[in-house]
Amino acid sequence: MFFDPELSYRDFCEFVAAHGIRWVEIKLEPVLYYRGVAEQEALEFLRRFAARVPVSVHALYQELNAGSVNPHVRQVTLEELKRSVEFAAAIGPGTVVTVHPGDSAEAPEGLFPAVRQNTVEVLRQVLDLARRRGVQLSLENRGQVKRNMYKYGRSSSELSELRGYLGEDVKYTVDVGHLTFVGQEPQEFVERLGAKNIALAHVHNNRGLEDEHGATPDGLIDYKAFLQAYYSNNWDFPLVIEVKTMPALLQSLRHLSSVWRQVARCSQGVASR
């Protein structure tokens, strides 16, 4: 589950624990920084809570860009990503931090190689800190692009390339909803990256027109096929529901639970024949 609702972070985490959900991801913005939350108090709560339910962190990303051709933007991005790593480290060793690779904004195509190189250089410094702090860095596949824009890491090949530059201790965060914009099935994407290399997945849905982050039954992603592959292959990376509202969260929980029961029954029926 992904935390960004109207509830306070404490209330949301307690909701998670009460419903038997076994993972929560904290989005550092805007909740923890733009609403007057006391950061140290939040960290102390999350450190205790993580002893009951694992907690991961989505690094700061709004108005940031590791691939920017503007060195000042890259410097601020580096500082904020390091801040995200320190936040995760304070929760506890092994905490996963999901980061976004860079993009071109409206830079011309000739600068795309620079966007990739800038991303590598920034993330290498972030990774160096993550290694020293015992934090797990994870690369998220990028989603929708608008006209004249390039996002590094939309495809499995680009993500693998980026991980190759950084190191094999880096993991992946597979954003399932983003895959509608590259025309790839999530189970195929997972297989190409290697399930053992995946820290977690963000699950949500959309209709292929915009990155809606809608409830899982509403869109192009076939979650029955994905969960069938997940079950059959004994994948065990967490599935984090990344939606924008509590109704969409509850709808997704009901939908995924129902689909999971169907998949389990069918698989067990086949196995017993």
C-alpha atoms as a PDB file:
ATOM      1  CA  MET A   1       0.000   0.000   0.000  1.00  0.00           C
ATOM      2  CA  PHE A   2       1.118   3.525  -0.829  1.00  0.00           C
ATOM      3  CA  PHE A   3       0.618   6.346   1.676  1.00  0.00           C
ATOM      4  CA  ASP A   4      -0.752   9.634   0.371  1.00  0.00           C
ATOM      5  CA  PRO A   5      -4.345   9.892   1.649  1.00  0.00           C
ATOM      6  CA  GLU A   6      -6.179  12.507   3.678  1.00  0.00           C
ATOM      7  CA  LEU A   7      -5.529  10.543   6.861  1.00  0.00           C
ATOM      8  CA  SER A   8      -2.546  11.477   8.988  1.00  0.00           C
ATOM      9  CA  TYR A   9       0.430   9.197   8.441  1.00  0.00           C
ATOM     10  CA  ARG A  10      -0.159   7.678  11.880  1.00  0.00           C
ATOM     11  CA  ASP A  11      -3.823   6.924  11.210  1.00  0.00           C
ATOM     12  CA  PHE A  12      -3.028   5.491   7.814  1.00  0.00           C
ATOM     13  CA  CYS A  13      -0.326   3.199   9.161  1.00  0.00           C
ATOM     14  CA  GLU A  14      -2.641   1.952  11.881  1.00  0.00           C
ATOM     15  CA  PHE A  15      -5.297   1.328   9.229  1.00  0.00           C
ATOM     16  CA  VAL A  16      -2.746  -0.770   7.348  1.00  0.00           C
ATOM     17  CA  ALA A  17      -1.838  -2.813  10.409  1.00  0.00           C
ATOM     18  CA  ALA A  18      -5.483  -3.356  11.393  1.00  0.00           C
ATOM     19  CA  HIS A  19      -6.313  -4.779   7.953  1.00  0.00           C
ATOM     20  CA  GLY A  20      -3.470  -7.268   7.947  1.00  0.00           C
ATOM     21  CA  ILE A  21      -1.651  -5.535   5.097  1.00  0.00           C
ATOM     22  CA  ARG A  22       2.031  -6.344   5.107  1.00  0.00           C
ATOM     23  CA  TRP A  23       3.721  -3.367   3.481  1.00  0.00           C
ATOM     24  CA  VAL A  24       3.386   0.408   3.426  1.00  0.00           C
ATOM     25  CA  GLU A  25       5.256   2.905   1.266  1.00  0.00           C
ATOM     26  CA  ILE A  26       5.731   6.451   2.467  1.00  0.00           C
ATOM     27  CA  LYS A  27       5.707   9.169  -0.153  1.00  0.00           C
ATOM     28  CA  LEU A  28       7.875  11.943   1.232  1.00  0.00           C
ATOM     29  CA  GLU A  29       5.922  14.632  -0.604  1.00  0.00           C
ATOM     30  CA  PRO A  30       3.714  16.434  -0.094  1.00  0.00           C
ATOM     31  CA  VAL A  31       2.509  14.817   3.123  1.00  0.00           C
ATOM     32  CA  LEU A  32       5.591  14.845   5.305  1.00  0.00           C
ATOM     33  CA  TYR A  33       7.095  18.124   4.163  1.00  0.00           C
ATOM     34  CA  TYR A  34       4.298  20.432   3.032  1.00  0.00           C
ATOM     35  CA  ARG A  35       1.761  19.899   5.800  1.00  0.00           C
ATOM     36  CA  GLY A  36       3.761  20.862   8.840  1.00  0.00           C
ATOM     37  CA  VAL A  37       4.531  17.344  10.030  1.00  0.00           C
ATOM     38  CA  ALA A  38       7.365  17.206  12.563  1.00  0.00           C
ATOM     39  CA  GLU A  39       9.978  15.144  10.709  1.00  0.00           C
ATOM     40  CA  GLN A  40      11.787  13.723  13.722  1.00  0.00           C
ATOM     41  CA  GLU A  41       8.519  12.734  15.342  1.00  0.00           C
ATOM     42  CA  ALA A  42       7.434  11.025  12.110  1.00  0.00           C
ATOM     43  CA  LEU A  43      10.717   9.146  11.885  1.00  0.00           C
ATOM     44  CA  GLU A  44      10.451   7.884  15.432  1.00  0.00           C
ATOM     45  CA  PHE A  45       6.926   6.629  14.766  1.00  0.00           C
ATOM     46  CA  LEU A  46       7.900   4.975  11.466  1.00  0.00           C
ATOM     47  CA  ARG A  47      10.942   3.321  13.039  1.00  0.00           C
ATOM     48  CA  ARG A  48       8.676   1.687  15.622  1.00  0.00           C
ATOM     49  CA  PHE A  49       5.966   0.887  13.092  1.00  0.00           C
ATOM     50  CA  ALA A  50       8.451  -0.797  10.730  1.00  0.00           C
ATOM     51  CA  ALA A  51       9.029  -3.442  13.411  1.00  0.00           C
ATOM     52  CA  ARG A  52       5.417  -4.537  12.765  1.00  0.00           C
ATOM     53  CA  VAL A  53       4.919  -3.718   9.072  1.00  0.00           C
ATOM     54  CA  PRO A  54       7.779  -3.168   6.601  1.00  0.00           C
ATOM     55  CA  VAL A  55       8.044   0.428   5.385  1.00  0.00           C
ATOM     56  CA  SER A  56       9.589   1.641   2.131  1.00  0.00           C
ATOM     57  CA  VAL A  57      10.162   5.205   0.957  1.00  0.00           C
ATOM     58  CA  HIS A  58       9.390   6.926  -2.325  1.00  0.00           C
ATOM     59  CA  ALA A  59      12.162   9.484  -2.731  1.00  0.00           C
ATOM     60  CA  LEU A  60      11.396  13.137  -3.302  1.00  0.00           C
ATOM     61  CA  TYR A  61      10.837  13.855  -6.992  1.00  0.00           C
ATOM     62  CA  GLN A  62       8.505  16.827  -7.545  1.00  0.00           C
ATOM     63  CA  GLU A  63      10.300  19.558  -9.534  1.00  0.00           C
ATOM     64  CA  LEU A  64      13.497  17.482  -9.377  1.00  0.00           C
ATOM     65  CA  ASN A  65      15.352  15.845 -12.272  1.00  0.00           C
ATOM     66  CA  ALA A  66      18.530  13.772 -12.021  1.00  0.00           C
ATOM     67  CA  GLY A  67      19.001  14.025 -15.789  1.00  0.00           C
ATOM     68  CA  SER A  68      18.534  17.768 -16.121  1.00  0.00           C
ATOM     69  CA  VAL A  69      20.886  19.653 -18.424  1.00  0.00           C
ATOM     70  CA  ASN A  70      20.780  22.460 -15.853  1.00  0.00           C
ATOM     71  CA  PRO A  71      23.548  21.802 -13.289  1.00  0.00           C
ATOM     72  CA  HIS A  72      21.701  23.763 -10.586  1.00  0.00           C
ATOM     73  CA  VAL A  73      18.646  21.507 -10.930  1.00  0.00           C
ATOM     74  CA  ARG A  74      20.896  18.454 -10.740  1.00  0.00           C
ATOM     75  CA  GLN A  75      22.552  19.756  -7.572  1.00  0.00           C
ATOM     76  CA  VAL A  76      19.222  20.343  -5.832  1.00  0.00           C
ATOM     77  CA  THR A  77      18.053  16.917  -7.012  1.00  0.00           C
ATOM     78  CA  LEU A  78      21.162  15.295  -5.579  1.00  0.00           C
ATOM     79  CA  GLU A  79      20.636  17.023  -2.236  1.00  0.00           C
ATOM     80  CA  GLU A  80      16.970  15.972  -2.052  1.00  0.00           C
ATOM     81  CA  LEU A  81      17.680  12.378  -3.053  1.00  0.00           C
ATOM     82  CA  LYS A  82      20.345  12.197  -0.377  1.00  0.00           C
ATOM     83  CA  ARG A  83      17.819  13.610   2.071  1.00  0.00           C
ATOM     84  CA  SER A  84      15.455  10.802   1.047  1.00  0.00           C
ATOM     85  CA  VAL A  85      18.167   8.224   1.700  1.00  0.00           C
ATOM     86  CA  GLU A  86      18.898   9.667   5.135  1.00  0.00           C
ATOM     87  CA  PHE A  87      15.180   9.565   5.955  1.00  0.00           C
ATOM     88  CA  ALA A  88      15.045   5.898   4.948  1.00  0.00           C
ATOM     89  CA  ALA A  89      18.180   5.073   6.913  1.00  0.00           C
ATOM     90  CA  ALA A  90      16.623   6.578  10.028  1.00  0.00           C
ATOM     91  CA  ILE A  91      13.692   4.179   9.675  1.00  0.00           C
ATOM     92  CA  GLY A  92      16.043   1.227   9.672  1.00  0.00           C
ATOM     93  CA  PRO A  93      18.693  -0.735   7.755  1.00  0.00           C
ATOM     94  CA  GLY A  94      17.552  -2.337   4.514  1.00  0.00           C
ATOM     95  CA  THR A  95      14.771   0.189   3.923  1.00  0.00           C
ATOM     96  CA  VAL A  96      13.953   0.417   0.198  1.00  0.00           C
ATOM     97  CA  VAL A  97      14.110   3.847  -1.459  1.00  0.00           C
ATOM     98  CA  THR A  98      12.493   4.166  -4.888  1.00  0.00           C
ATOM     99  CA  VAL A  99      14.019   6.807  -7.171  1.00  0.00           C
ATOM    100  CA  HIS A 100      13.082   8.161 -10.592  1.00  0.00           C
ATOM    101  CA  PRO A 101      15.664   8.212 -13.397  1.00  0.00           C
ATOM    102  CA  GLY A 102      16.041  11.555 -15.171  1.00  0.00           C
ATOM    103  CA  ASP A 103      14.238  13.084 -18.121  1.00  0.00           C
ATOM    104  CA  SER A 104      14.783  15.672 -20.810  1.00  0.00           C
ATOM    105  CA  ALA A 105      11.960  18.087 -19.987  1.00  0.00           C
ATOM    106  CA  GLU A 106      11.949  19.832 -23.383  1.00  0.00           C
ATOM    107  CA  ALA A 107      15.619  19.381 -24.251  1.00  0.00           C
ATOM    108  CA  PRO A 108      16.274  18.515 -27.937  1.00  0.00           C
ATOM    109  CA  GLU A 109      16.983  14.922 -28.910  1.00  0.00           C
ATOM    110  CA  GLY A 110      20.677  15.614 -29.281  1.00  0.00           C
ATOM    111  CA  LEU A 111      20.867  16.075 -25.517  1.00  0.00           C
ATOM    112  CA  PHE A 112      19.295  12.714 -24.646  1.00  0.00           C
ATOM    113  CA  PRO A 113      22.746  11.100 -24.124  1.00  0.00           C
ATOM    114  CA  ALA A 114      23.570  13.907 -21.696  1.00  0.00           C
ATOM    115  CA  VAL A 115      20.330  13.207 -19.816  1.00  0.00           C
ATOM    116  CA  ARG A 116      21.378   9.586 -19.409  1.00  0.00           C
ATOM    117  CA  GLN A 117      24.917  10.461 -18.326  1.00  0.00           C
ATOM    118  CA  ASN A 118      23.682  13.092 -15.867  1.00  0.00           C
ATOM    119  CA  THR A 119      21.304  10.540 -14.358  1.00  0.00           C
ATOM    120  CA  VAL A 120      24.112   8.048 -13.877  1.00  0.00           C
ATOM    121  CA  GLU A 121      26.392  10.611 -12.250  1.00  0.00           C
ATOM    122  CA  VAL A 122      23.730  11.821  -9.820  1.00  0.00           C
ATOM    123  CA  LEU A 123      22.514   8.353  -8.894  1.00  0.00           C
ATOM    124  CA  ARG A 124      26.066   7.087  -8.371  1.00  0.00           C
ATOM    125  CA  GLN A 125      26.489   9.671  -5.628  1.00  0.00           C
ATOM    126  CA  VAL A 126      23.116   8.794  -4.137  1.00  0.00           C
ATOM    127  CA  LEU A 127      23.986   5.103  -4.266  1.00  0.00           C
ATOM    128  CA  ASP A 128      27.296   5.712  -2.535  1.00  0.00           C
ATOM    129  CA  LEU A 129      25.411   7.252   0.383  1.00  0.00           C
ATOM    130  CA  ALA A 130      22.774   4.490   0.317  1.00  0.00           C
ATOM    131  CA  ARG A 131      25.468   1.821   0.568  1.00  0.00           C
ATOM    132  CA  ARG A 132      27.105   3.580   3.514  1.00  0.00           C
ATOM    133  CA  ARG A 133      23.739   3.979   5.262  1.00  0.00           C
ATOM    134  CA  GLY A 134      22.580   0.420   4.591  1.00  0.00           C
ATOM    135  CA  VAL A 135      19.653   1.528   2.415  1.00  0.00           C
ATOM    136  CA  GLN A 136      18.389  -0.346  -0.675  1.00  0.00           C
ATOM    137  CA  LEU A 137      18.195   1.856  -3.772  1.00  0.00           C
ATOM    138  CA  SER A 138      15.520   0.887  -6.320  1.00  0.00           C
ATOM    139  CA  LEU A 139      14.966   2.272  -9.847  1.00  0.00           C
ATOM    140  CA  GLU A 140      11.408   2.889 -11.024  1.00  0.00           C
ATOM    141  CA  ASN A 141      10.412   2.495 -14.669  1.00  0.00           C
ATOM    142  CA  ARG A 142       9.098   5.794 -16.026  1.00  0.00           C
ATOM    143  CA  GLY A 143       5.658   6.264 -17.519  1.00  0.00           C
ATOM    144  CA  GLN A 144       3.825   8.576 -19.863  1.00  0.00           C
ATOM    145  CA  VAL A 145       5.783  11.053 -21.959  1.00  0.00           C
ATOM    146  CA  LYS A 146       4.424  14.210 -23.512  1.00  0.00           C
ATOM    147  CA  ARG A 147       5.436  15.692 -26.827  1.00  0.00           C
ATOM    148  CA  ASN A 148       9.130  16.600 -27.130  1.00  0.00           C
ATOM    149  CA  MET A 149       9.942  14.810 -23.879  1.00  0.00           C
ATOM    150  CA  TYR A 150      12.203  11.869 -23.101  1.00  0.00           C
ATOM    151  CA  LYS A 151      12.219   9.848 -19.887  1.00  0.00           C
ATOM    152  CA  TYR A 152      15.146   7.584 -19.139  1.00  0.00           C
ATOM    153  CA  GLY A 153      14.213   4.113 -17.951  1.00  0.00           C
ATOM    154  CA  ARG A 154      10.814   3.500 -19.532  1.00  0.00           C
ATOM    155  CA  SER A 155      11.873   0.193 -21.092  1.00  0.00           C
ATOM    156  CA  SER A 156      13.361  -2.884 -19.432  1.00  0.00           C
ATOM    157  CA  SER A 157      16.483  -2.481 -21.571  1.00  0.00           C
ATOM    158  CA  GLU A 158      17.072   1.089 -20.406  1.00  0.00           C
ATOM    159  CA  LEU A 159      16.482   0.164 -16.770  1.00  0.00           C
ATOM    160  CA  SER A 160      18.922  -2.736 -17.117  1.00  0.00           C
ATOM    161  CA  GLU A 161      21.433  -0.414 -18.769  1.00  0.00           C
ATOM    162  CA  LEU A 162      21.155   2.072 -15.909  1.00  0.00           C
ATOM    163  CA  ARG A 163      21.535  -0.662 -13.294  1.00  0.00           C
ATOM    164  CA  GLY A 164      24.577  -1.901 -15.205  1.00  0.00           C
ATOM    165  CA  TYR A 165      26.223   1.505 -14.785  1.00  0.00           C
ATOM    166  CA  LEU A 166      25.375   1.635 -11.069  1.00  0.00           C
ATOM    167  CA  GLY A 167      25.863  -1.900  -9.776  1.00  0.00           C
ATOM    168  CA  GLU A 168      24.095  -5.209  -9.241  1.00  0.00           C
ATOM    169  CA  ASP A 169      23.096  -4.310  -5.686  1.00  0.00           C
ATOM    170  CA  VAL A 170      20.574  -1.829  -7.140  1.00  0.00           C
ATOM    171  CA  LYS A 171      17.003  -3.147  -7.413  1.00  0.00           C
ATOM    172  CA  TYR A 172      13.960  -2.283  -9.505  1.00  0.00           C
ATOM    173  CA  THR A 173      10.560  -0.866  -8.616  1.00  0.00           C
ATOM    174  CA  VAL A 174       8.221  -2.094 -11.347  1.00  0.00           C
ATOM    175  CA  ASP A 175       5.415   0.405 -11.865  1.00  0.00           C
ATOM    176  CA  VAL A 176       2.760  -1.773 -13.460  1.00  0.00           C
ATOM    177  CA  GLY A 177       0.474   1.100 -14.465  1.00  0.00           C
ATOM    178  CA  HIS A 178       3.288   2.827 -16.347  1.00  0.00           C
ATOM    179  CA  LEU A 179       3.611  -0.175 -18.642  1.00  0.00           C
ATOM    180  CA  THR A 180       0.439   0.786 -20.524  1.00  0.00           C
ATOM    181  CA  PHE A 181       2.518   3.556 -22.124  1.00  0.00           C
ATOM    182  CA  VAL A 182       5.164   1.191 -23.498  1.00  0.00           C
ATOM    183  CA  GLY A 183       2.816  -1.596 -24.617  1.00  0.00           C
ATOM    184  CA  GLN A 184       4.301  -4.323 -22.449  1.00  0.00           C
ATOM    185  CA  GLU A 185       2.594  -6.843 -20.203  1.00  0.00           C
ATOM    186  CA  PRO A 186       3.774  -6.626 -16.589  1.00  0.00           C
ATOM    187  CA  GLN A 187       4.586 -10.333 -16.313  1.00  0.00           C
ATOM    188  CA  GLU A 188       6.858 -10.055 -19.362  1.00  0.00           C
ATOM    189  CA  PHE A 189       8.506  -6.943 -17.920  1.00  0.00           C
ATOM    190  CA  VAL A 190       9.208  -8.750 -14.653  1.00  0.00           C
ATOM    191  CA  GLU A 191      10.696 -11.728 -16.483  1.00  0.00           C
ATOM    192  CA  ARG A 192      12.989  -9.494 -18.518  1.00  0.00           C
ATOM    193  CA  LEU A 193      14.305  -7.736 -15.435  1.00  0.00           C
ATOM    194  CA  GLY A 194      14.440 -10.916 -13.332  1.00  0.00           C
ATOM    195  CA  ALA A 195      12.101 -11.308 -10.367  1.00  0.00           C
ATOM    196  CA  LYS A 196      15.044 -11.654  -7.970  1.00  0.00           C
ATOM    197  CA  ASN A 197      16.097  -8.112  -8.909  1.00  0.00           C
ATOM    198  CA  ILE A 198      12.752  -6.513  -8.061  1.00  0.00           C
ATOM    199  CA  ALA A 199      12.340  -4.790  -4.698  1.00  0.00           C
ATOM    200  CA  LEU A 200       8.623  -4.122  -5.095  1.00  0.00           C
ATOM    201  CA  ALA A 201       5.901  -3.260  -7.612  1.00  0.00           C
ATOM    202  CA  HIS A 202       3.547  -0.293  -7.782  1.00  0.00           C
ATOM    203  CA  VAL A 203       0.095  -1.472  -8.838  1.00  0.00           C
ATOM    204  CA  HIS A 204      -2.598   0.812 -10.223  1.00  0.00           C
ATOM    205  CA  ASN A 205      -4.429   1.161 -13.523  1.00  0.00           C
ATOM    206  CA  ASN A 206      -5.217   3.618 -16.299  1.00  0.00           C
ATOM    207  CA  ARG A 207      -6.829   3.739 -19.728  1.00  0.00           C
ATOM    208  CA  GLY A 208      -3.644   4.570 -21.606  1.00  0.00           C
ATOM    209  CA  LEU A 209      -4.433   8.261 -22.032  1.00  0.00           C
ATOM    210  CA  GLU A 210      -2.831   9.641 -18.873  1.00  0.00           C
ATOM    211  CA  ASP A 211      -1.109   8.393 -15.759  1.00  0.00           C
ATOM    212  CA  GLU A 212      -4.315   8.245 -13.715  1.00  0.00           C
ATOM    213  CA  HIS A 213      -3.149   6.018 -10.857  1.00  0.00           C
ATOM    214  CA  GLY A 214      -6.679   4.690 -10.717  1.00  0.00           C
ATOM    215  CA  ALA A 215      -8.116   1.643  -8.976  1.00  0.00           C
ATOM    216  CA  THR A 216      -6.784  -1.693 -10.229  1.00  0.00           C
ATOM    217  CA  PRO A 217      -9.996  -2.930 -11.971  1.00  0.00           C
ATOM    218  CA  ASP A 218     -10.328   0.250 -14.072  1.00  0.00           C
ATOM    219  CA  GLY A 219      -8.014   0.239 -17.062  1.00  0.00           C
ATOM    220  CA  LEU A 220      -5.883  -1.676 -19.528  1.00  0.00           C
ATOM    221  CA  ILE A 221      -3.803  -3.778 -17.124  1.00  0.00           C
ATOM    222  CA  ASP A 222      -5.057  -7.369 -16.844  1.00  0.00           C
ATOM    223  CA  TYR A 223      -4.418  -8.019 -13.162  1.00  0.00           C
ATOM    224  CA  LYS A 224      -5.749 -11.558 -13.346  1.00  0.00           C
ATOM    225  CA  ALA A 225      -3.020 -12.457 -15.843  1.00  0.00           C
ATOM    226  CA  PHE A 226      -0.400 -10.655 -13.760  1.00  0.00           C
ATOM    227  CA  LEU A 227      -1.431 -12.330 -10.503  1.00  0.00           C
ATOM    228  CA  GLN A 228      -1.577 -15.695 -12.243  1.00  0.00           C
ATOM    229  CA  ALA A 229       2.055 -15.233 -13.286  1.00  0.00           C
ATOM    230  CA  TYR A 230       2.942 -13.958  -9.803  1.00  0.00           C
ATOM    231  CA  TYR A 231       1.351 -17.016  -8.184  1.00  0.00           C
ATOM    232  CA  SER A 232       2.650 -19.589 -10.675  1.00  0.00           C
ATOM    233  CA  ASN A 233       6.220 -18.304 -10.536  1.00  0.00           C
ATOM    234  CA  ASN A 234       6.274 -17.968  -6.731  1.00  0.00           C
ATOM    235  CA  TRP A 235       7.222 -14.324  -6.957  1.00  0.00           C
ATOM    236  CA  ASP A 236       7.375 -12.698  -3.548  1.00  0.00           C
ATOM    237  CA  PHE A 237       8.161  -9.016  -4.106  1.00  0.00           C
ATOM    238  CA  PRO A 238       5.584  -6.739  -2.408  1.00  0.00           C
ATOM    239  CA  LEU A 239       2.681  -5.355  -4.434  1.00  0.00           C
ATOM    240  CA  VAL A 240       2.178  -1.742  -3.367  1.00  0.00           C
ATOM    241  CA  ILE A 241      -1.166  -0.173  -4.314  1.00  0.00           C
ATOM    242  CA  GLU A 242      -0.282   3.280  -5.648  1.00  0.00           C
ATOM    243  CA  VAL A 243      -3.563   5.158  -5.982  1.00  0.00           C
ATOM    244  CA  LYS A 244      -4.691   8.676  -5.113  1.00  0.00           C
ATOM    245  CA  THR A 245      -7.799   8.267  -2.961  1.00  0.00           C
ATOM    246  CA  MET A 246      -9.059   6.077  -0.143  1.00  0.00           C
ATOM    247  CA  PRO A 247     -12.058   4.845  -2.219  1.00  0.00           C
ATOM    248  CA  ALA A 248      -9.649   3.751  -4.980  1.00  0.00           C
ATOM    249  CA  LEU A 249      -7.462   2.062  -2.373  1.00  0.00           C
ATOM    250  CA  LEU A 250     -10.349   0.115  -0.859  1.00  0.00           C
ATOM    251  CA  GLN A 251     -11.689  -0.796  -4.311  1.00  0.00           C
ATOM    252  CA  SER A 252      -8.246  -2.065  -5.323  1.00  0.00           C
ATOM    253  CA  LEU A 253      -7.919  -4.115  -2.143  1.00  0.00           C
ATOM    254  CA  ARG A 254     -11.264  -5.820  -2.771  1.00  0.00           C
ATOM    255  CA  HIS A 255     -10.456  -6.396  -6.432  1.00  0.00           C
ATOM    256  CA  LEU A 256      -6.969  -7.807  -5.940  1.00  0.00           C
ATOM    257  CA  SER A 257      -8.084 -10.011  -3.042  1.00  0.00           C
ATOM    258  CA  SER A 258     -10.902 -11.436  -5.163  1.00  0.00           C
ATOM    259  CA  VAL A 259      -8.636 -12.049  -8.148  1.00  0.00           C
ATOM    260  CA  TRP A 260      -6.007 -13.657  -5.920  1.00  0.00           C
ATOM    261  CA  ARG A 261      -8.559 -16.096  -4.502  1.00  0.00           C
ATOM    262  CA  GLN A 262      -9.680 -17.008  -8.036  1.00  0.00           C
ATOM    263  CA  VAL A 263      -6.102 -17.569  -9.173  1.00  0.00           C
ATOM    264  CA  ALA A 264      -5.274 -19.684  -6.116  1.00  0.00           C
ATOM    265  CA  ARG A 265      -8.391 -21.846  -6.529  1.00  0.00           C
ATOM    266  CA  CYS A 266      -7.741 -22.431 -10.228  1.00  0.00           C
ATOM    267  CA  SER A 267      -4.077 -23.223  -9.659  1.00  0.00           C
ATOM    268  CA  GLN A 268      -4.846 -25.630  -6.826  1.00  0.00           C
ATOM    269  CA  GLY A 269      -7.532 -27.301  -8.914  1.00  0.00           C
ATOM    270  CA  VAL A 270      -5.093 -27.888 -11.761  1.00  0.00           C
ATOM    271  CA  ALA A 271      -2.430 -29.174  -9.353  1.00  0.00           C
ATOM    272  CA  SER A 272      -4.809 -31.716  -7.817  1.00  0.00           C
ATOM    273  CA  ARG A 273      -5.719 -33.375 -11.122  1.00  0.00           C
END
